[in-house]
N, C-alpha and C. Protein backbone atom coordinates (compact mmCIF):
# COMPACT_ATOMS: atom_id res chain seq x y z
N UNK A 1 0.68 -0.90 0.20
CA UNK A 1 0.12 0.03 0.24
C UNK A 1 0.90 1.35 0.38
N UNK A 2 0.38 2.28 -0.32
CA UNK A 2 0.32 3.16 0.09
C UNK A 2 0.27 5.42 -0.59
N UNK A 3 1.05 5.74 1.12
CA UNK A 3 -0.82 7.17 0.93
C UNK A 3 -0.03 7.96 1.48
N UNK A 4 -0.32 8.64 2.19
CA UNK A 4 0.32 10.07 2.57
C UNK A 4 -0.49 10.37 4.30
N UNK A 5 0.24 10.88 4.52
CA UNK A 5 0.03 11.70 6.10
C UNK A 5 0.24 12.88 6.32
N UNK A 6 -0.54 13.87 6.52
CA UNK A 6 -0.23 15.83 6.64
C UNK A 6 -0.68 15.95 8.03
N UNK A 7 0.12 17.02 8.33
CA UNK A 7 0.02 17.35 9.95
C UNK A 7 -0.19 18.95 9.82
N UNK A 8 -1.42 18.92 9.88
CA UNK A 8 -1.73 20.50 9.50
C UNK A 8 -2.56 20.96 11.34
N UNK A 9 -3.91 22.19 11.10
CA UNK A 9 -3.99 23.06 12.38
C UNK A 9 -5.90 23.30 11.83
N UNK A 10 -6.49 21.86 12.73
CA UNK A 10 -7.72 22.76 12.02
C UNK A 10 -7.64 23.17 13.58
N UNK A 11 -8.82 23.91 13.58
CA UNK A 11 -9.93 24.59 14.97
C UNK A 11 -11.28 23.33 15.11
N UNK A 12 -11.33 23.34 16.55
CA UNK A 12 -12.41 22.54 16.92
C UNK A 12 -13.58 23.12 16.11
N UNK A 13 -13.60 24.71 15.87
CA UNK A 13 -15.03 24.52 15.38
C UNK A 13 -15.15 24.31 13.66
N UNK A 14 -14.51 23.84 13.00
CA UNK A 14 -14.69 23.76 11.96
C UNK A 14 -13.77 21.85 11.91
N UNK A 15 -13.20 21.50 12.46
CA UNK A 15 -13.81 19.93 12.36
C UNK A 15 -15.39 19.27 12.18
N UNK A 16 -16.22 19.87 12.37
CA UNK A 16 -17.91 18.45 12.06
C UNK A 16 -17.64 18.92 10.50
N UNK A 17 -17.80 19.53 10.43
CA UNK A 17 -17.62 20.76 8.42
C UNK A 17 -16.95 19.75 8.61
N UNK A 18 -15.39 19.80 8.38
CA UNK A 18 -14.27 19.04 7.67
C UNK A 18 -14.55 17.56 7.04
N UNK A 19 -14.63 17.23 8.45
CA UNK A 19 -16.02 15.54 7.90
C UNK A 19 -16.52 15.81 7.36
N UNK A 20 -17.97 16.44 6.67
CA UNK A 20 -18.69 16.36 5.91
C UNK A 20 -17.84 17.04 4.72
N UNK A 21 -17.28 17.23 4.55
CA UNK A 21 -17.14 17.37 3.86
C UNK A 21 -16.80 15.88 2.84
N UNK A 22 -15.14 15.86 3.77
CA UNK A 22 -14.95 14.44 3.06
C UNK A 22 -15.63 13.40 2.65
N UNK A 23 -16.85 12.58 3.91
CA UNK A 23 -17.36 12.25 4.11
C UNK A 23 -18.04 12.45 2.41
N UNK A 24 -19.11 14.07 1.79
CA UNK A 24 -18.66 14.59 1.04
C UNK A 24 -18.42 13.35 -0.12
N UNK A 25 -16.54 13.97 -0.44
CA UNK A 25 -16.03 13.67 -1.20
C UNK A 25 -15.93 12.24 -1.82
N UNK A 26 -15.97 12.24 -0.88
CA UNK A 26 -15.35 9.87 -1.60
C UNK A 26 -16.70 10.04 -1.77
N UNK A 27 -18.53 10.12 -1.01
CA UNK A 27 -19.10 9.66 -2.27
C UNK A 27 -19.24 9.77 -3.36
N UNK A 28 -18.62 11.33 -3.72
CA UNK A 28 -19.48 11.72 -4.92
C UNK A 28 -18.25 11.47 -6.29
N UNK A 29 -16.82 11.20 -5.95
CA UNK A 29 -16.22 10.72 -6.42
C UNK A 29 -15.33 9.27 -6.26
N UNK A 30 -16.30 9.20 -7.20
CA UNK A 30 -14.28 7.62 -7.11
C UNK A 30 -13.68 7.04 -7.36
N UNK A 31 -12.26 6.76 -6.46
CA UNK A 31 -10.46 7.18 -6.64
C UNK A 31 -10.20 5.04 -7.02
N UNK A 32 -9.83 5.50 -7.82
CA UNK A 32 -9.52 3.83 -8.30
C UNK A 32 -8.07 3.94 -7.43
N UNK A 33 -8.38 2.46 -6.30
CA UNK A 33 -7.20 1.88 -5.58
C UNK A 33 -8.10 2.74 -4.37
N UNK A 34 -8.44 3.50 -3.75
CA UNK A 34 -8.41 3.57 -2.70
C UNK A 34 -8.60 3.50 -2.02
N UNK A 35 -8.00 3.22 -0.98
CA UNK A 35 -8.13 2.34 0.48
C UNK A 35 -8.92 2.99 1.98
N UNK A 36 -8.92 4.33 1.97
CA UNK A 36 -9.08 4.16 3.03
C UNK A 36 -8.27 5.38 3.71
N UNK A 37 -9.71 6.04 4.27
CA UNK A 37 -9.05 7.72 4.83
C UNK A 37 -9.22 8.08 6.58
N UNK A 38 -8.19 8.70 7.02
CA UNK A 38 -8.73 9.05 8.71
C UNK A 38 -7.76 10.28 8.80
N UNK A 39 -9.07 11.29 10.39
CA UNK A 39 -7.99 11.82 10.38
C UNK A 39 -8.24 11.66 12.27
N UNK A 40 -6.61 12.47 12.19
CA UNK A 40 -6.35 11.87 13.88
C UNK A 40 -6.35 13.39 14.28
N UNK A 41 -7.18 13.82 15.80
CA UNK A 41 -7.70 15.19 15.86
C UNK A 41 -7.01 15.11 17.05
N UNK A 42 -5.44 15.56 17.90
CA UNK A 42 -5.21 15.45 18.63
C UNK A 42 -6.05 15.51 20.37
N UNK A 43 -5.85 15.77 21.31
CA UNK A 43 -6.60 15.81 22.48
C UNK A 43 -6.58 17.38 22.27
N UNK A 44 -4.95 18.17 22.97
CA UNK A 44 -3.97 19.23 22.88
C UNK A 44 -4.17 20.13 21.16
N UNK A 45 -4.81 20.85 22.47
CA UNK A 45 -4.08 22.26 20.92
C UNK A 45 -5.24 21.42 19.92
N UNK A 46 -4.55 22.51 18.69
CA UNK A 46 -6.06 22.61 17.11
C UNK A 46 -4.97 21.31 15.96
N UNK A 47 -3.62 20.36 15.78
CA UNK A 47 -3.10 19.73 15.24
C UNK A 47 -3.56 18.53 15.14
N UNK A 48 -4.11 18.90 13.70
CA UNK A 48 -4.58 18.08 13.39
C UNK A 48 -4.29 16.54 12.28
N UNK A 49 -4.39 15.21 11.77
CA UNK A 49 -3.21 14.29 11.91
C UNK A 49 -4.40 13.60 10.22
N UNK A 50 -4.16 13.61 9.06
CA UNK A 50 -5.09 13.71 7.94
C UNK A 50 -3.63 12.40 6.92
N UNK A 51 -4.91 11.13 7.01
CA UNK A 51 -4.32 10.18 6.14
C UNK A 51 -4.91 9.32 5.56
N UNK A 52 -4.39 9.26 3.86
CA UNK A 52 -4.49 8.93 2.80
C UNK A 52 -4.69 7.31 2.78
N UNK A 53 -5.67 6.15 1.69
CA UNK A 53 -4.35 4.83 1.67
C UNK A 53 -4.62 4.36 0.49
N UNK A 54 -3.69 4.21 -0.04
CA UNK A 54 -3.90 4.07 -1.73
C UNK A 54 -3.40 2.57 -1.91
N UNK A 55 -4.18 1.30 -2.72
CA UNK A 55 -2.95 0.00 -3.07
C UNK A 55 -1.37 0.30 -3.32
N UNK A 56 -1.51 1.54 -4.85
CA UNK A 56 0.30 1.47 -4.21
C UNK A 56 0.07 2.54 -4.86
N UNK A 57 1.82 2.80 -4.81
CA UNK A 57 2.42 4.41 -5.22
C UNK A 57 1.26 4.68 -7.21
N UNK A 58 1.47 3.97 -7.86
CA UNK A 58 0.43 4.14 -9.21
C UNK A 58 -0.81 5.20 -8.78
N UNK A 59 -1.54 3.99 -7.92
CA UNK A 59 -3.14 4.83 -8.05
C UNK A 59 -3.09 5.63 -7.00
N UNK A 60 -1.81 5.89 -5.52
CA UNK A 60 -2.22 7.71 -5.48
C UNK A 60 -1.02 8.57 -6.35
N UNK A 61 -0.80 8.30 -6.93
CA UNK A 61 -0.03 8.87 -8.07
C UNK A 61 -1.05 9.89 -9.02
N UNK A 62 -1.92 8.55 -9.47
CA UNK A 62 -2.86 8.90 -10.36
C UNK A 62 -3.95 9.96 -9.44
N UNK A 63 -4.32 9.99 -8.09
CA UNK A 63 -5.09 10.62 -7.63
C UNK A 63 -4.72 12.11 -7.50
N UNK A 64 -3.31 11.20 -7.89
CA UNK A 64 -3.26 13.15 -6.64
C UNK A 64 -2.80 13.88 -7.89
N UNK A 65 -2.33 13.19 -8.96
CA UNK A 65 -2.60 14.32 -10.85
C UNK A 65 -4.03 15.25 -10.65
N UNK A 66 -4.87 14.17 -10.92
CA UNK A 66 -6.56 14.67 -11.15
C UNK A 66 -7.08 15.81 -10.17
N UNK A 67 -7.47 16.36 -11.62
CA UNK A 67 -7.46 18.07 -11.26
C UNK A 67 -8.87 18.08 -9.82
N UNK A 68 -9.76 16.92 -10.42
CA UNK A 68 -11.51 16.46 -9.68
C UNK A 68 -9.91 16.50 -7.61
N UNK A 69 -8.86 16.46 -7.96
CA UNK A 69 -8.26 16.52 -6.22
C UNK A 69 -7.84 18.01 -6.13
N UNK A 70 -7.67 18.17 -6.93
CA UNK A 70 -6.70 19.93 -6.11
C UNK A 70 -8.60 20.08 -6.72
N UNK A 71 -9.69 20.52 -6.78
CA UNK A 71 -10.87 21.16 -6.94
C UNK A 71 -10.78 20.50 -4.29
N UNK A 72 -11.53 19.67 -4.53
CA UNK A 72 -11.66 19.09 -3.35
C UNK A 72 -10.40 19.28 -2.53
N UNK A 73 -8.88 19.38 -2.61
CA UNK A 73 -8.67 19.86 -1.95
C UNK A 73 -9.04 21.00 -0.91
N UNK A 74 -8.96 22.13 -2.10
CA UNK A 74 -9.40 24.75 -1.60
C UNK A 74 -10.16 23.38 -0.71
N UNK A 75 -11.03 23.37 -2.27
CA UNK A 75 -12.38 23.53 -0.06
C UNK A 75 -11.63 22.95 0.92
N UNK A 76 -11.79 21.60 0.90
CA UNK A 76 -11.19 21.85 2.53
C UNK A 76 -9.74 21.94 3.95
N UNK A 77 -9.24 22.56 2.89
CA UNK A 77 -7.87 23.71 2.85
C UNK A 77 -8.79 25.05 3.55
N UNK A 78 -9.72 25.58 2.96
CA UNK A 78 -9.83 27.00 3.23
C UNK A 78 -11.20 26.19 5.60
N UNK A 79 -11.23 25.02 5.78
CA UNK A 79 -10.87 25.35 6.70
C UNK A 79 -9.79 25.06 8.00
N UNK A 80 -8.83 25.36 7.26
CA UNK A 80 -7.08 25.21 7.88
C UNK A 80 -5.96 26.12 7.95
N UNK A 81 -5.75 26.57 9.41
CA UNK A 81 -5.06 27.86 9.22
C UNK A 81 -3.39 28.09 8.47
N UNK A 82 -3.53 26.96 7.81
CA UNK A 82 -2.21 27.34 7.60
C UNK A 82 -2.00 26.55 6.47
N UNK A 83 -1.22 26.04 5.23
CA UNK A 83 -1.68 24.45 3.70
C UNK A 83 -1.24 22.89 5.29
N UNK A 84 -1.48 21.83 4.64
CA UNK A 84 -0.76 20.89 5.54
C UNK A 84 0.88 20.64 5.00
N UNK A 85 1.42 20.04 6.10
CA UNK A 85 3.52 19.38 6.32
C UNK A 85 2.49 17.68 5.47
N UNK A 86 2.46 17.43 3.77
CA UNK A 86 2.49 16.60 3.64
C UNK A 86 4.26 14.98 3.84
N UNK A 87 3.17 14.09 4.20
CA UNK A 87 4.37 12.99 4.22
C UNK A 87 3.99 11.68 3.54
N UNK A 88 4.45 11.58 2.36
CA UNK A 88 3.75 11.19 1.59
C UNK A 88 5.43 9.10 1.24
N UNK A 89 4.58 8.15 1.33
CA UNK A 89 5.33 7.06 1.41
C UNK A 89 4.59 5.41 1.67
N UNK A 90 4.96 4.93 1.57
CA UNK A 90 5.20 3.02 1.15
C UNK A 90 3.95 2.86 2.68
N UNK A 91 3.01 2.52 2.35
CA UNK A 91 2.16 2.20 4.17
C UNK A 91 2.46 0.57 4.42
N UNK A 92 2.78 -0.42 5.40
CA UNK A 92 2.69 -1.36 6.05
C UNK A 92 1.84 -1.60 7.44
N UNK A 93 1.27 -2.53 6.76
CA UNK A 93 -0.03 -2.78 8.11
C UNK A 93 0.52 -3.67 9.04
N UNK A 94 0.88 -4.16 9.86
CA UNK A 94 0.52 -4.47 11.70
C UNK A 94 -0.84 -5.81 12.01
N UNK A 95 -0.93 -5.84 12.10
CA UNK A 95 -2.50 -6.31 12.42
C UNK A 95 -2.87 -7.06 13.96
N UNK A 96 -2.89 -7.55 14.94
CA UNK A 96 -2.81 -7.81 16.19
C UNK A 96 -3.98 -9.20 16.24
């Protein structure tokens, strides 16, 4: 698997709207190779971590290059205090 982790700042009052946007975008657009996504909001402060998981680097790159993804990004970026800090790479899964 392949994906990204993004560190960002989302004010608590914007978290519900961010969740709504992500749900609507996920339902509206079929993304080849998409596996899952998550958002972790830290207990203290306003830092959030977004995770997006794809089957492989090729499907991740195709999604990243899709103009629809840019439109989606601009919509949820408006709820953040600054641009996210992105970290892309291979994902290894471990389960109990």
